Amino acid sequence: GWYGANLHYLSPKLRSELLLDIGYYEKGFIKIRAELENNPITSA
């Protein structure tokens, strides 16, 4: 299987904050993954 950050566990506001924090729109998928691994929100 796989591990993933299920965004549904975050409030709608926190989802937006997380996407902005990781700079999802400007980055490639590998960098998005790295950003998520280093973001404190992901653990939750």
PDB file of all heavy atoms in Angstrom:
ATOM      1  N   GLY A   1       0.817  -1.216   0.000  1.00  0.00           N
ATOM      2  CA  GLY A   1       0.000   0.000   0.000  1.00  0.00           C
ATOM      3  C   GLY A   1       0.841   1.252   0.000  1.00  0.00           C
ATOM      4  O   GLY A   1       1.861   1.326  -0.683  1.00  0.00           O
ATOM      5  N   TRP A   2       0.436   2.233   0.818  1.00  0.00           N
ATOM      6  CA  TRP A   2       1.125   3.515   0.836  1.00  0.00           C
ATOM      7  C   TRP A   2       0.767   4.298   2.093  1.00  0.00           C
ATOM      8  O   TRP A   2      -0.205   3.986   2.774  1.00  0.00           O
ATOM      9  CB  TRP A   2       0.778   4.344  -0.396  1.00  0.00           C
ATOM     10  CG  TRP A   2      -0.695   4.488  -0.624  1.00  0.00           C
ATOM     11  CD1 TRP A   2      -1.522   5.448  -0.122  1.00  0.00           C
ATOM     12  CD2 TRP A   2      -1.516   3.629  -1.408  1.00  0.00           C
ATOM     13  NE1 TRP A   2      -2.815   5.241  -0.539  1.00  0.00           N
ATOM     14  CE2 TRP A   2      -2.841   4.121  -1.336  1.00  0.00           C
ATOM     15  CE3 TRP A   2      -1.274   2.488  -2.174  1.00  0.00           C
ATOM     16  CZ2 TRP A   2      -3.895   3.518  -1.994  1.00  0.00           C
ATOM     17  CZ3 TRP A   2      -2.336   1.882  -2.826  1.00  0.00           C
ATOM     18  CH2 TRP A   2      -3.630   2.401  -2.733  1.00  0.00           C
ATOM     19  N   TYR A   3       1.581   5.295   2.363  1.00  0.00           N
ATOM     20  CA  TYR A   3       1.312   6.280   3.415  1.00  0.00           C
ATOM     21  C   TYR A   3       0.927   7.574   2.711  1.00  0.00           C
ATOM     22  O   TYR A   3       1.511   7.932   1.680  1.00  0.00           O
ATOM     23  CB  TYR A   3       2.554   6.545   4.270  1.00  0.00           C
ATOM     24  CG  TYR A   3       2.897   5.416   5.198  1.00  0.00           C
ATOM     25  CD1 TYR A   3       3.856   4.470   4.850  1.00  0.00           C
ATOM     26  CD2 TYR A   3       2.266   5.293   6.433  1.00  0.00           C
ATOM     27  CE1 TYR A   3       4.177   3.423   5.701  1.00  0.00           C
ATOM     28  CE2 TYR A   3       2.576   4.251   7.289  1.00  0.00           C
ATOM     29  CZ  TYR A   3       3.525   3.319   6.911  1.00  0.00           C
ATOM     30  OH  TYR A   3       3.828   2.293   7.756  1.00  0.00           O
ATOM     31  N   GLY A   4      -0.027   8.277   3.294  1.00  0.00           N
ATOM     32  CA  GLY A   4      -0.423   9.538   2.704  1.00  0.00           C
ATOM     33  C   GLY A   4      -0.977  10.498   3.737  1.00  0.00           C
ATOM     34  O   GLY A   4      -1.459  10.084   4.803  1.00  0.00           O
ATOM     35  N   ALA A   5      -0.896  11.775   3.426  1.00  0.00           N
ATOM     36  CA  ALA A   5      -1.506  12.815   4.251  1.00  0.00           C
ATOM     37  C   ALA A   5      -2.948  12.944   3.768  1.00  0.00           C
ATOM     38  O   ALA A   5      -3.191  13.436   2.666  1.00  0.00           O
ATOM     39  CB  ALA A   5      -0.758  14.127   4.087  1.00  0.00           C
ATOM     40  N   ASN A   6      -3.900  12.478   4.589  1.00  0.00           N
ATOM     41  CA  ASN A   6      -5.314  12.573   4.230  1.00  0.00           C
ATOM     42  C   ASN A   6      -5.804  13.956   4.647  1.00  0.00           C
ATOM     43  O   ASN A   6      -6.031  14.228   5.826  1.00  0.00           O
ATOM     44  CB  ASN A   6      -6.134  11.478   4.908  1.00  0.00           C
ATOM     45  CG  ASN A   6      -7.594  11.504   4.470  1.00  0.00           C
ATOM     46  OD1 ASN A   6      -8.075  12.472   3.895  1.00  0.00           O
ATOM     47  ND2 ASN A   6      -8.307  10.429   4.748  1.00  0.00           N
ATOM     48  N   LEU A   7      -5.983  14.810   3.667  1.00  0.00           N
ATOM     49  CA  LEU A   7      -6.354  16.203   3.926  1.00  0.00           C
ATOM     50  C   LEU A   7      -7.740  16.346   4.538  1.00  0.00           C
ATOM     51  O   LEU A   7      -8.037  17.373   5.146  1.00  0.00           O
ATOM     52  CB  LEU A   7      -6.226  17.024   2.651  1.00  0.00           C
ATOM     53  CG  LEU A   7      -4.830  16.995   2.019  1.00  0.00           C
ATOM     54  CD1 LEU A   7      -4.791  17.848   0.768  1.00  0.00           C
ATOM     55  CD2 LEU A   7      -3.764  17.414   2.993  1.00  0.00           C
ATOM     56  N   HIS A   8      -8.571  15.337   4.424  1.00  0.00           N
ATOM     57  CA  HIS A   8      -9.896  15.413   5.034  1.00  0.00           C
ATOM     58  C   HIS A   8      -9.843  15.474   6.559  1.00  0.00           C
ATOM     59  O   HIS A   8     -10.785  15.940   7.188  1.00  0.00           O
ATOM     60  CB  HIS A   8     -10.769  14.234   4.607  1.00  0.00           C
ATOM     61  CG  HIS A   8     -11.279  14.356   3.216  1.00  0.00           C
ATOM     62  ND1 HIS A   8     -11.818  13.298   2.524  1.00  0.00           N
ATOM     63  CD2 HIS A   8     -11.343  15.418   2.376  1.00  0.00           C
ATOM     64  CE1 HIS A   8     -12.202  13.705   1.328  1.00  0.00           C
ATOM     65  NE2 HIS A   8     -11.913  14.991   1.208  1.00  0.00           N
ATOM     66  N   TYR A   9      -8.739  15.018   7.144  1.00  0.00           N
ATOM     67  CA  TYR A   9      -8.602  15.096   8.598  1.00  0.00           C
ATOM     68  C   TYR A   9      -8.274  16.513   9.069  1.00  0.00           C
ATOM     69  O   TYR A   9      -8.281  16.789  10.260  1.00  0.00           O
ATOM     70  CB  TYR A   9      -7.529  14.111   9.093  1.00  0.00           C
ATOM     71  CG  TYR A   9      -8.041  12.697   9.150  1.00  0.00           C
ATOM     72  CD1 TYR A   9      -8.088  11.902   8.017  1.00  0.00           C
ATOM     73  CD2 TYR A   9      -8.516  12.164  10.339  1.00  0.00           C
ATOM     74  CE1 TYR A   9      -8.571  10.607   8.062  1.00  0.00           C
ATOM     75  CE2 TYR A   9      -9.001  10.868  10.398  1.00  0.00           C
ATOM     76  CZ  TYR A   9      -9.032  10.091   9.257  1.00  0.00           C
ATOM     77  OH  TYR A   9      -9.531   8.814   9.300  1.00  0.00           O
ATOM     78  N   LEU A  10      -7.999  17.394   8.133  1.00  0.00           N
ATOM     79  CA  LEU A  10      -7.703  18.790   8.454  1.00  0.00           C
ATOM     80  C   LEU A  10      -8.927  19.648   8.172  1.00  0.00           C
ATOM     81  O   LEU A  10      -9.663  19.395   7.215  1.00  0.00           O
ATOM     82  CB  LEU A  10      -6.542  19.296   7.597  1.00  0.00           C
ATOM     83  CG  LEU A  10      -5.235  18.518   7.671  1.00  0.00           C
ATOM     84  CD1 LEU A  10      -4.243  19.065   6.652  1.00  0.00           C
ATOM     85  CD2 LEU A  10      -4.660  18.555   9.069  1.00  0.00           C
ATOM     86  N   SER A  11      -9.108  20.683   8.967  1.00  0.00           N
ATOM     87  CA  SER A  11     -10.202  21.621   8.690  1.00  0.00           C
ATOM     88  C   SER A  11      -9.955  22.277   7.332  1.00  0.00           C
ATOM     89  O   SER A  11      -8.814  22.345   6.870  1.00  0.00           O
ATOM     90  CB  SER A  11     -10.263  22.689   9.784  1.00  0.00           C
ATOM     91  OG  SER A  11      -9.132  23.538   9.694  1.00  0.00           O
ATOM     92  N   PRO A  12     -11.004  22.768   6.681  1.00  0.00           N
ATOM     93  CA  PRO A  12     -10.818  23.420   5.382  1.00  0.00           C
ATOM     94  C   PRO A  12      -9.765  24.543   5.408  1.00  0.00           C
ATOM     95  O   PRO A  12      -8.972  24.676   4.476  1.00  0.00           O
ATOM     96  CB  PRO A  12     -12.211  23.959   5.062  1.00  0.00           C
ATOM     97  CG  PRO A  12     -13.120  22.981   5.744  1.00  0.00           C
ATOM     98  CD  PRO A  12     -12.417  22.645   7.026  1.00  0.00           C
ATOM     99  N   LYS A  13      -9.743  25.336   6.458  1.00  0.00           N
ATOM    100  CA  LYS A  13      -8.755  26.420   6.562  1.00  0.00           C
ATOM    101  C   LYS A  13      -7.335  25.855   6.653  1.00  0.00           C
ATOM    102  O   LYS A  13      -6.423  26.338   6.000  1.00  0.00           O
ATOM    103  CB  LYS A  13      -9.063  27.290   7.770  1.00  0.00           C
ATOM    104  CG  LYS A  13      -8.147  28.503   7.894  1.00  0.00           C
ATOM    105  CD  LYS A  13      -8.705  29.483   8.900  1.00  0.00           C
ATOM    106  CE  LYS A  13      -7.854  30.675   9.165  1.00  0.00           C
ATOM    107  NZ  LYS A  13      -7.212  31.312   8.069  1.00  0.00           N
ATOM    108  N   LEU A  14      -7.167  24.807   7.434  1.00  0.00           N
ATOM    109  CA  LEU A  14      -5.851  24.193   7.595  1.00  0.00           C
ATOM    110  C   LEU A  14      -5.377  23.528   6.299  1.00  0.00           C
ATOM    111  O   LEU A  14      -4.182  23.518   5.995  1.00  0.00           O
ATOM    112  CB  LEU A  14      -5.897  23.180   8.735  1.00  0.00           C
ATOM    113  CG  LEU A  14      -4.634  22.961   9.544  1.00  0.00           C
ATOM    114  CD1 LEU A  14      -3.978  24.254   9.970  1.00  0.00           C
ATOM    115  CD2 LEU A  14      -4.943  22.112  10.766  1.00  0.00           C
ATOM    116  N   ARG A  15      -6.298  23.000   5.515  1.00  0.00           N
ATOM    117  CA  ARG A  15      -5.942  22.426   4.209  1.00  0.00           C
ATOM    118  C   ARG A  15      -5.313  23.494   3.324  1.00  0.00           C
ATOM    119  O   ARG A  15      -4.280  23.277   2.695  1.00  0.00           O
ATOM    120  CB  ARG A  15      -7.178  21.874   3.500  1.00  0.00           C
ATOM    121  CG  ARG A  15      -7.820  20.719   4.176  1.00  0.00           C
ATOM    122  CD  ARG A  15      -9.121  20.349   3.484  1.00  0.00           C
ATOM    123  NE  ARG A  15      -9.931  19.533   4.371  1.00  0.00           N
ATOM    124  CZ  ARG A  15     -11.130  19.090   4.073  1.00  0.00           C
ATOM    125  NH1 ARG A  15     -11.686  19.379   2.907  1.00  0.00           N
ATOM    126  NH2 ARG A  15     -11.798  18.351   4.942  1.00  0.00           N
ATOM    127  N   SER A  16      -5.979  24.651   3.285  1.00  0.00           N
ATOM    128  CA  SER A  16      -5.453  25.762   2.480  1.00  0.00           C
ATOM    129  C   SER A  16      -4.087  26.201   2.981  1.00  0.00           C
ATOM    130  O   SER A  16      -3.163  26.425   2.190  1.00  0.00           O
ATOM    131  CB  SER A  16      -6.414  26.954   2.521  1.00  0.00           C
ATOM    132  OG  SER A  16      -7.630  26.637   1.903  1.00  0.00           O
ATOM    133  N   GLU A  17      -3.946  26.330   4.297  1.00  0.00           N
ATOM    134  CA  GLU A  17      -2.670  26.747   4.877  1.00  0.00           C
ATOM    135  C   GLU A  17      -1.563  25.755   4.529  1.00  0.00           C
ATOM    136  O   GLU A  17      -0.450  26.156   4.190  1.00  0.00           O
ATOM    137  CB  GLU A  17      -2.787  26.879   6.398  1.00  0.00           C
ATOM    138  CG  GLU A  17      -3.588  28.076   6.834  1.00  0.00           C
ATOM    139  CD  GLU A  17      -3.781  28.148   8.355  1.00  0.00           C
ATOM    140  OE1 GLU A  17      -3.014  27.483   9.100  1.00  0.00           O
ATOM    141  OE2 GLU A  17      -4.688  28.867   8.788  1.00  0.00           O
ATOM    142  N   LEU A  18      -1.886  24.473   4.602  1.00  0.00           N
ATOM    143  CA  LEU A  18      -0.887  23.460   4.291  1.00  0.00           C
ATOM    144  C   LEU A  18      -0.448  23.548   2.836  1.00  0.00           C
ATOM    145  O   LEU A  18       0.752  23.514   2.540  1.00  0.00           O
ATOM    146  CB  LEU A  18      -1.421  22.056   4.597  1.00  0.00           C
ATOM    147  CG  LEU A  18      -0.462  20.898   4.303  1.00  0.00           C
ATOM    148  CD1 LEU A  18       0.789  20.997   5.169  1.00  0.00           C
ATOM    149  CD2 LEU A  18      -1.162  19.559   4.514  1.00  0.00           C
ATOM    150  N   LEU A  19      -1.395  23.667   1.920  1.00  0.00           N
ATOM    151  CA  LEU A  19      -1.029  23.772   0.503  1.00  0.00           C
ATOM    152  C   LEU A  19      -0.143  24.988   0.251  1.00  0.00           C
ATOM    153  O   LEU A  19       0.825  24.912  -0.509  1.00  0.00           O
ATOM    154  CB  LEU A  19      -2.275  23.813  -0.379  1.00  0.00           C
ATOM    155  CG  LEU A  19      -3.053  22.510  -0.511  1.00  0.00           C
ATOM    156  CD1 LEU A  19      -4.234  22.694  -1.459  1.00  0.00           C
ATOM    157  CD2 LEU A  19      -2.181  21.356  -0.954  1.00  0.00           C
ATOM    158  N   LEU A  20      -0.473  26.094   0.886  1.00  0.00           N
ATOM    159  CA  LEU A  20       0.361  27.293   0.728  1.00  0.00           C
ATOM    160  C   LEU A  20       1.741  27.087   1.358  1.00  0.00           C
ATOM    161  O   LEU A  20       2.751  27.471   0.776  1.00  0.00           O
ATOM    162  CB  LEU A  20      -0.321  28.513   1.342  1.00  0.00           C
ATOM    163  CG  LEU A  20      -1.527  29.037   0.578  1.00  0.00           C
ATOM    164  CD1 LEU A  20      -2.252  30.101   1.387  1.00  0.00           C
ATOM    165  CD2 LEU A  20      -1.116  29.575  -0.783  1.00  0.00           C
ATOM    166  N   ASP A  21       1.778  26.479   2.555  1.00  0.00           N
ATOM    167  CA  ASP A  21       3.050  26.221   3.245  1.00  0.00           C
ATOM    168  C   ASP A  21       4.001  25.399   2.392  1.00  0.00           C
ATOM    169  O   ASP A  21       5.205  25.651   2.385  1.00  0.00           O
ATOM    170  CB  ASP A  21       2.827  25.460   4.563  1.00  0.00           C
ATOM    171  CG  ASP A  21       2.337  26.337   5.687  1.00  0.00           C
ATOM    172  OD1 ASP A  21       2.254  27.566   5.513  1.00  0.00           O
ATOM    173  OD2 ASP A  21       2.017  25.776   6.759  1.00  0.00           O
ATOM    174  N   ILE A  22       3.479  24.393   1.708  1.00  0.00           N
ATOM    175  CA  ILE A  22       4.362  23.515   0.930  1.00  0.00           C
ATOM    176  C   ILE A  22       4.636  24.053  -0.469  1.00  0.00           C
ATOM    177  O   ILE A  22       5.437  23.486  -1.197  1.00  0.00           O
ATOM    178  CB  ILE A  22       3.815  22.073   0.861  1.00  0.00           C
ATOM    179  CG1 ILE A  22       2.495  22.002   0.081  1.00  0.00           C
ATOM    180  CG2 ILE A  22       3.687  21.473   2.257  1.00  0.00           C
ATOM    181  CD1 ILE A  22       1.997  20.588  -0.196  1.00  0.00           C
ATOM    182  N   GLY A  23       3.987  25.156  -0.842  1.00  0.00           N
ATOM    183  CA  GLY A  23       4.210  25.753  -2.161  1.00  0.00           C
ATOM    184  C   GLY A  23       3.860  24.793  -3.285  1.00  0.00           C
ATOM    185  O   GLY A  23       4.580  24.687  -4.275  1.00  0.00           O
ATOM    186  N   TYR A  24       2.740  24.115  -3.138  1.00  0.00           N
ATOM    187  CA  TYR A  24       2.380  23.028  -4.032  1.00  0.00           C
ATOM    188  C   TYR A  24       2.324  23.416  -5.504  1.00  0.00           C
ATOM    189  O   TYR A  24       2.651  22.620  -6.376  1.00  0.00           O
ATOM    190  CB  TYR A  24       1.030  22.414  -3.612  1.00  0.00           C
ATOM    191  CG  TYR A  24      -0.168  23.177  -4.132  1.00  0.00           C
ATOM    192  CD1 TYR A  24      -0.831  22.773  -5.276  1.00  0.00           C
ATOM    193  CD2 TYR A  24      -0.626  24.334  -3.493  1.00  0.00           C
ATOM    194  CE1 TYR A  24      -1.915  23.473  -5.768  1.00  0.00           C
ATOM    195  CE2 TYR A  24      -1.700  25.034  -3.974  1.00  0.00           C
ATOM    196  CZ  TYR A  24      -2.346  24.604  -5.113  1.00  0.00           C
ATOM    197  OH  TYR A  24      -3.403  25.315  -5.604  1.00  0.00           O
ATOM    198  N   TYR A  25       1.902  24.622  -5.802  1.00  0.00           N
ATOM    199  CA  TYR A  25       1.650  24.962  -7.203  1.00  0.00           C
ATOM    200  C   TYR A  25       2.943  25.169  -8.004  1.00  0.00           C
ATOM    201  O   TYR A  25       2.982  24.895  -9.186  1.00  0.00           O
ATOM    202  CB  TYR A  25       0.750  26.205  -7.295  1.00  0.00           C
ATOM    203  CG  TYR A  25      -0.004  26.250  -8.593  1.00  0.00           C
ATOM    204  CD1 TYR A  25      -1.021  25.335  -8.853  1.00  0.00           C
ATOM    205  CD2 TYR A  25       0.290  27.183  -9.570  1.00  0.00           C
ATOM    206  CE1 TYR A  25      -1.715  25.353 -10.049  1.00  0.00           C
ATOM    207  CE2 TYR A  25      -0.411  27.211 -10.773  1.00  0.00           C
ATOM    208  CZ  TYR A  25      -1.408  26.289 -11.007  1.00  0.00           C
ATOM    209  OH  TYR A  25      -2.092  26.301 -12.194  1.00  0.00           O
ATOM    210  N   GLU A  26       3.995  25.611  -7.320  1.00  0.00           N
ATOM    211  CA  GLU A  26       5.248  25.891  -8.017  1.00  0.00           C
ATOM    212  C   GLU A  26       6.209  24.708  -8.023  1.00  0.00           C
ATOM    213  O   GLU A  26       7.203  24.727  -8.732  1.00  0.00           O
ATOM    214  CB  GLU A  26       5.998  27.062  -7.361  1.00  0.00           C
ATOM    215  CG  GLU A  26       5.221  28.353  -7.241  1.00  0.00           C
ATOM    216  CD  GLU A  26       4.399  28.423  -5.957  1.00  0.00           C
ATOM    217  OE1 GLU A  26       4.797  27.841  -4.932  1.00  0.00           O
ATOM    218  OE2 GLU A  26       3.336  29.058  -5.996  1.00  0.00           O
ATOM    219  N   LYS A  27       5.951  23.685  -7.219  1.00  0.00           N
ATOM    220  CA  LYS A  27       6.935  22.622  -7.025  1.00  0.00           C
ATOM    221  C   LYS A  27       6.530  21.326  -7.710  1.00  0.00           C
ATOM    222  O   LYS A  27       5.354  21.050  -7.890  1.00  0.00           O
ATOM    223  CB  LYS A  27       7.131  22.371  -5.530  1.00  0.00           C
ATOM    224  CG  LYS A  27       7.744  23.575  -4.854  1.00  0.00           C
ATOM    225  CD  LYS A  27       8.008  23.344  -3.407  1.00  0.00           C
ATOM    226  CE  LYS A  27       8.650  24.618  -2.832  1.00  0.00           C
ATOM    227  NZ  LYS A  27       8.553  24.693  -1.427  1.00  0.00           N
ATOM    228  N   GLY A  28       7.548  20.531  -8.016  1.00  0.00           N
ATOM    229  CA  GLY A  28       7.325  19.196  -8.565  1.00  0.00           C
ATOM    230  C   GLY A  28       6.885  18.246  -7.458  1.00  0.00           C
ATOM    231  O   GLY A  28       6.972  18.568  -6.268  1.00  0.00           O
ATOM    232  N   PHE A  29       6.458  17.060  -7.847  1.00  0.00           N
ATOM    233  CA  PHE A  29       5.887  16.116  -6.895  1.00  0.00           C
ATOM    234  C   PHE A  29       6.886  15.637  -5.843  1.00  0.00           C
ATOM    235  O   PHE A  29       6.520  15.452  -4.683  1.00  0.00           O
ATOM    236  CB  PHE A  29       5.268  14.929  -7.635  1.00  0.00           C
ATOM    237  CG  PHE A  29       4.088  15.335  -8.483  1.00  0.00           C
ATOM    238  CD1 PHE A  29       4.105  15.144  -9.856  1.00  0.00           C
ATOM    239  CD2 PHE A  29       2.973  15.922  -7.917  1.00  0.00           C
ATOM    240  CE1 PHE A  29       3.028  15.525 -10.639  1.00  0.00           C
ATOM    241  CE2 PHE A  29       1.890  16.313  -8.686  1.00  0.00           C
ATOM    242  CZ  PHE A  29       1.919  16.112 -10.053  1.00  0.00           C
ATOM    243  N   ILE A  30       8.129  15.451  -6.210  1.00  0.00           N
ATOM    244  CA  ILE A  30       9.134  14.996  -5.235  1.00  0.00           C
ATOM    245  C   ILE A  30       9.376  16.081  -4.183  1.00  0.00           C
ATOM    246  O   ILE A  30       9.498  15.797  -2.987  1.00  0.00           O
ATOM    247  CB  ILE A  30      10.443  14.585  -5.935  1.00  0.00           C
ATOM    248  CG1 ILE A  30      10.184  13.418  -6.907  1.00  0.00           C
ATOM    249  CG2 ILE A  30      11.525  14.229  -4.928  1.00  0.00           C
ATOM    250  CD1 ILE A  30       9.528  12.192  -6.280  1.00  0.00           C
ATOM    251  N   LYS A  31       9.407  17.332  -4.619  1.00  0.00           N
ATOM    252  CA  LYS A  31       9.589  18.431  -3.659  1.00  0.00           C
ATOM    253  C   LYS A  31       8.350  18.601  -2.776  1.00  0.00           C
ATOM    254  O   LYS A  31       8.466  18.940  -1.602  1.00  0.00           O
ATOM    255  CB  LYS A  31       9.933  19.732  -4.379  1.00  0.00           C
ATOM    256  CG  LYS A  31      11.347  19.719  -4.925  1.00  0.00           C
ATOM    257  CD  LYS A  31      11.781  21.057  -5.428  1.00  0.00           C
ATOM    258  CE  LYS A  31      13.227  20.928  -5.907  1.00  0.00           C
ATOM    259  NZ  LYS A  31      13.799  22.172  -6.291  1.00  0.00           N
ATOM    260  N   ILE A  32       7.175  18.374  -3.333  1.00  0.00           N
ATOM    261  CA  ILE A  32       5.943  18.432  -2.534  1.00  0.00           C
ATOM    262  C   ILE A  32       6.021  17.381  -1.429  1.00  0.00           C
ATOM    263  O   ILE A  32       5.727  17.664  -0.267  1.00  0.00           O
ATOM    264  CB  ILE A  32       4.690  18.213  -3.416  1.00  0.00           C
ATOM    265  CG1 ILE A  32       4.449  19.444  -4.293  1.00  0.00           C
ATOM    266  CG2 ILE A  32       3.457  17.893  -2.563  1.00  0.00           C
ATOM    267  CD1 ILE A  32       3.385  19.262  -5.348  1.00  0.00           C
ATOM    268  N   ARG A  33       6.433  16.187  -1.803  1.00  0.00           N
ATOM    269  CA  ARG A  33       6.579  15.108  -0.823  1.00  0.00           C
ATOM    270  C   ARG A  33       7.547  15.513   0.291  1.00  0.00           C
ATOM    271  O   ARG A  33       7.254  15.357   1.480  1.00  0.00           O
ATOM    272  CB  ARG A  33       7.073  13.853  -1.523  1.00  0.00           C
ATOM    273  CG  ARG A  33       7.435  12.744  -0.589  1.00  0.00           C
ATOM    274  CD  ARG A  33       8.101  11.638  -1.359  1.00  0.00           C
ATOM    275  NE  ARG A  33       8.568  10.608  -0.473  1.00  0.00           N
ATOM    276  CZ  ARG A  33       9.375   9.655  -0.841  1.00  0.00           C
ATOM    277  NH1 ARG A  33       9.796   9.588  -2.091  1.00  0.00           N
ATOM    278  NH2 ARG A  33       9.763   8.747   0.014  1.00  0.00           N
ATOM    279  N   ALA A  34       8.687  16.064  -0.084  1.00  0.00           N
ATOM    280  CA  ALA A  34       9.693  16.488   0.905  1.00  0.00           C
ATOM    281  C   ALA A  34       9.135  17.585   1.809  1.00  0.00           C
ATOM    282  O   ALA A  34       9.353  17.566   3.027  1.00  0.00           O
ATOM    283  CB  ALA A  34      10.962  16.962   0.203  1.00  0.00           C
ATOM    284  N   GLU A  35       8.422  18.534   1.232  1.00  0.00           N
ATOM    285  CA  GLU A  35       7.822  19.616   2.022  1.00  0.00           C
ATOM    286  C   GLU A  35       6.810  19.055   3.029  1.00  0.00           C
ATOM    287  O   GLU A  35       6.757  19.497   4.164  1.00  0.00           O
ATOM    288  CB  GLU A  35       7.138  20.639   1.116  1.00  0.00           C
ATOM    289  CG  GLU A  35       8.082  21.487   0.300  1.00  0.00           C
ATOM    290  CD  GLU A  35       8.823  22.526   1.119  1.00  0.00           C
ATOM    291  OE1 GLU A  35       8.328  22.943   2.183  1.00  0.00           O
ATOM    292  OE2 GLU A  35       9.924  22.911   0.685  1.00  0.00           O
ATOM    293  N   LEU A  36       6.006  18.090   2.590  1.00  0.00           N
ATOM    294  CA  LEU A  36       5.023  17.491   3.496  1.00  0.00           C
ATOM    295  C   LEU A  36       5.704  16.728   4.623  1.00  0.00           C
ATOM    296  O   LEU A  36       5.253  16.768   5.767  1.00  0.00           O
ATOM    297  CB  LEU A  36       4.098  16.544   2.735  1.00  0.00           C
ATOM    298  CG  LEU A  36       2.967  17.199   1.972  1.00  0.00           C
ATOM    299  CD1 LEU A  36       2.252  16.181   1.099  1.00  0.00           C
ATOM    300  CD2 LEU A  36       1.979  17.871   2.904  1.00  0.00           C
ATOM    301  N   GLU A  37       6.784  16.019   4.300  1.00  0.00           N
ATOM    302  CA  GLU A  37       7.487  15.250   5.331  1.00  0.00           C
ATOM    303  C   GLU A  37       8.061  16.157   6.415  1.00  0.00           C
ATOM    304  O   GLU A  37       8.204  15.746   7.552  1.00  0.00           O
ATOM    305  CB  GLU A  37       8.603  14.420   4.696  1.00  0.00           C
ATOM    306  CG  GLU A  37       8.060  13.243   3.914  1.00  0.00           C
ATOM    307  CD  GLU A  37       9.138  12.449   3.195  1.00  0.00           C
ATOM    308  OE1 GLU A  37      10.273  12.948   3.041  1.00  0.00           O
ATOM    309  OE2 GLU A  37       8.839  11.328   2.784  1.00  0.00           O
ATOM    310  N   ASN A  38       8.381  17.397   6.072  1.00  0.00           N
ATOM    311  CA  ASN A  38       8.971  18.344   7.017  1.00  0.00           C
ATOM    312  C   ASN A  38       7.956  19.297   7.641  1.00  0.00           C
ATOM    313  O   ASN A  38       8.329  20.170   8.405  1.00  0.00           O
ATOM    314  CB  ASN A  38      10.085  19.146   6.334  1.00  0.00           C
ATOM    315  CG  ASN A  38      11.243  18.259   5.937  1.00  0.00           C
ATOM    316  OD1 ASN A  38      11.673  17.409   6.695  1.00  0.00           O
ATOM    317  ND2 ASN A  38      11.725  18.434   4.723  1.00  0.00           N
ATOM    318  N   ASN A  39       6.692  19.140   7.304  1.00  0.00           N
ATOM    319  CA  ASN A  39       5.670  20.049   7.814  1.00  0.00           C
ATOM    320  C   ASN A  39       5.000  19.438   9.047  1.00  0.00           C
ATOM    321  O   ASN A  39       4.554  18.288   9.004  1.00  0.00           O
ATOM    322  CB  ASN A  39       4.625  20.324   6.729  1.00  0.00           C
ATOM    323  CG  ASN A  39       3.741  21.481   7.081  1.00  0.00           C
ATOM    324  OD1 ASN A  39       3.013  21.425   8.058  1.00  0.00           O
ATOM    325  ND2 ASN A  39       3.809  22.532   6.294  1.00  0.00           N
ATOM    326  N   PRO A  40       4.902  20.187  10.157  1.00  0.00           N
ATOM    327  CA  PRO A  40       4.318  19.639  11.389  1.00  0.00           C
ATOM    328  C   PRO A  40       2.836  19.243  11.246  1.00  0.00           C
ATOM    329  O   PRO A  40       2.357  18.391  11.990  1.00  0.00           O
ATOM    330  CB  PRO A  40       4.480  20.761  12.410  1.00  0.00           C
ATOM    331  CG  PRO A  40       4.765  21.987  11.622  1.00  0.00           C
ATOM    332  CD  PRO A  40       5.357  21.561  10.319  1.00  0.00           C
ATOM    333  N   ILE A  41       2.141  19.809  10.306  1.00  0.00           N
ATOM    334  CA  ILE A  41       0.726  19.483  10.118  1.00  0.00           C
ATOM    335  C   ILE A  41       0.563  18.050   9.615  1.00  0.00           C
ATOM    336  O   ILE A  41      -0.385  17.346   9.981  1.00  0.00           O
ATOM    337  CB  ILE A  41       0.050  20.482   9.151  1.00  0.00           C
ATOM    338  CG1 ILE A  41       0.067  21.886   9.753  1.00  0.00           C
ATOM    339  CG2 ILE A  41      -1.376  20.058   8.818  1.00  0.00           C
ATOM    340  CD1 ILE A  41      -0.398  22.971   8.805  1.00  0.00           C
ATOM    341  N   THR A  42       1.506  17.594   8.804  1.00  0.00           N
ATOM    342  CA  THR A  42       1.403  16.275   8.184  1.00  0.00           C
ATOM    343  C   THR A  42       1.269  15.157   9.211  1.00  0.00           C
ATOM    344  O   THR A  42       0.505  14.215   9.014  1.00  0.00           O
ATOM    345  CB  THR A  42       2.622  16.018   7.280  1.00  0.00           C
ATOM    346  OG1 THR A  42       2.718  17.084   6.335  1.00  0.00           O
ATOM    347  CG2 THR A  42       2.485  14.707   6.533  1.00  0.00           C
ATOM    348  N   SER A  43       1.992  15.262  10.310  1.00  0.00           N
ATOM    349  CA  SER A  43       1.960  14.180  11.310  1.00  0.00           C
ATOM    350  C   SER A  43       0.551  13.931  11.845  1.00  0.00           C
ATOM    351  O   SER A  43       0.212  12.817  12.220  1.00  0.00           O
ATOM    352  CB  SER A  43       2.907  14.494  12.466  1.00  0.00           C
ATOM    353  OG  SER A  43       2.481  15.659  13.142  1.00  0.00           O
ATOM    354  N   ALA A  44      -0.281  14.944  11.847  1.00  0.00           N
ATOM    355  CA  ALA A  44      -1.636  14.815  12.391  1.00  0.00           C
ATOM    356  C   ALA A  44      -2.620  14.175  11.414  1.00  0.00           C
ATOM    357  O   ALA A  44      -3.689  13.734  11.823  1.00  0.00           O
ATOM    358  CB  ALA A  44      -2.159  16.184  12.819  1.00  0.00           C
TER     359      ALA A  44
END
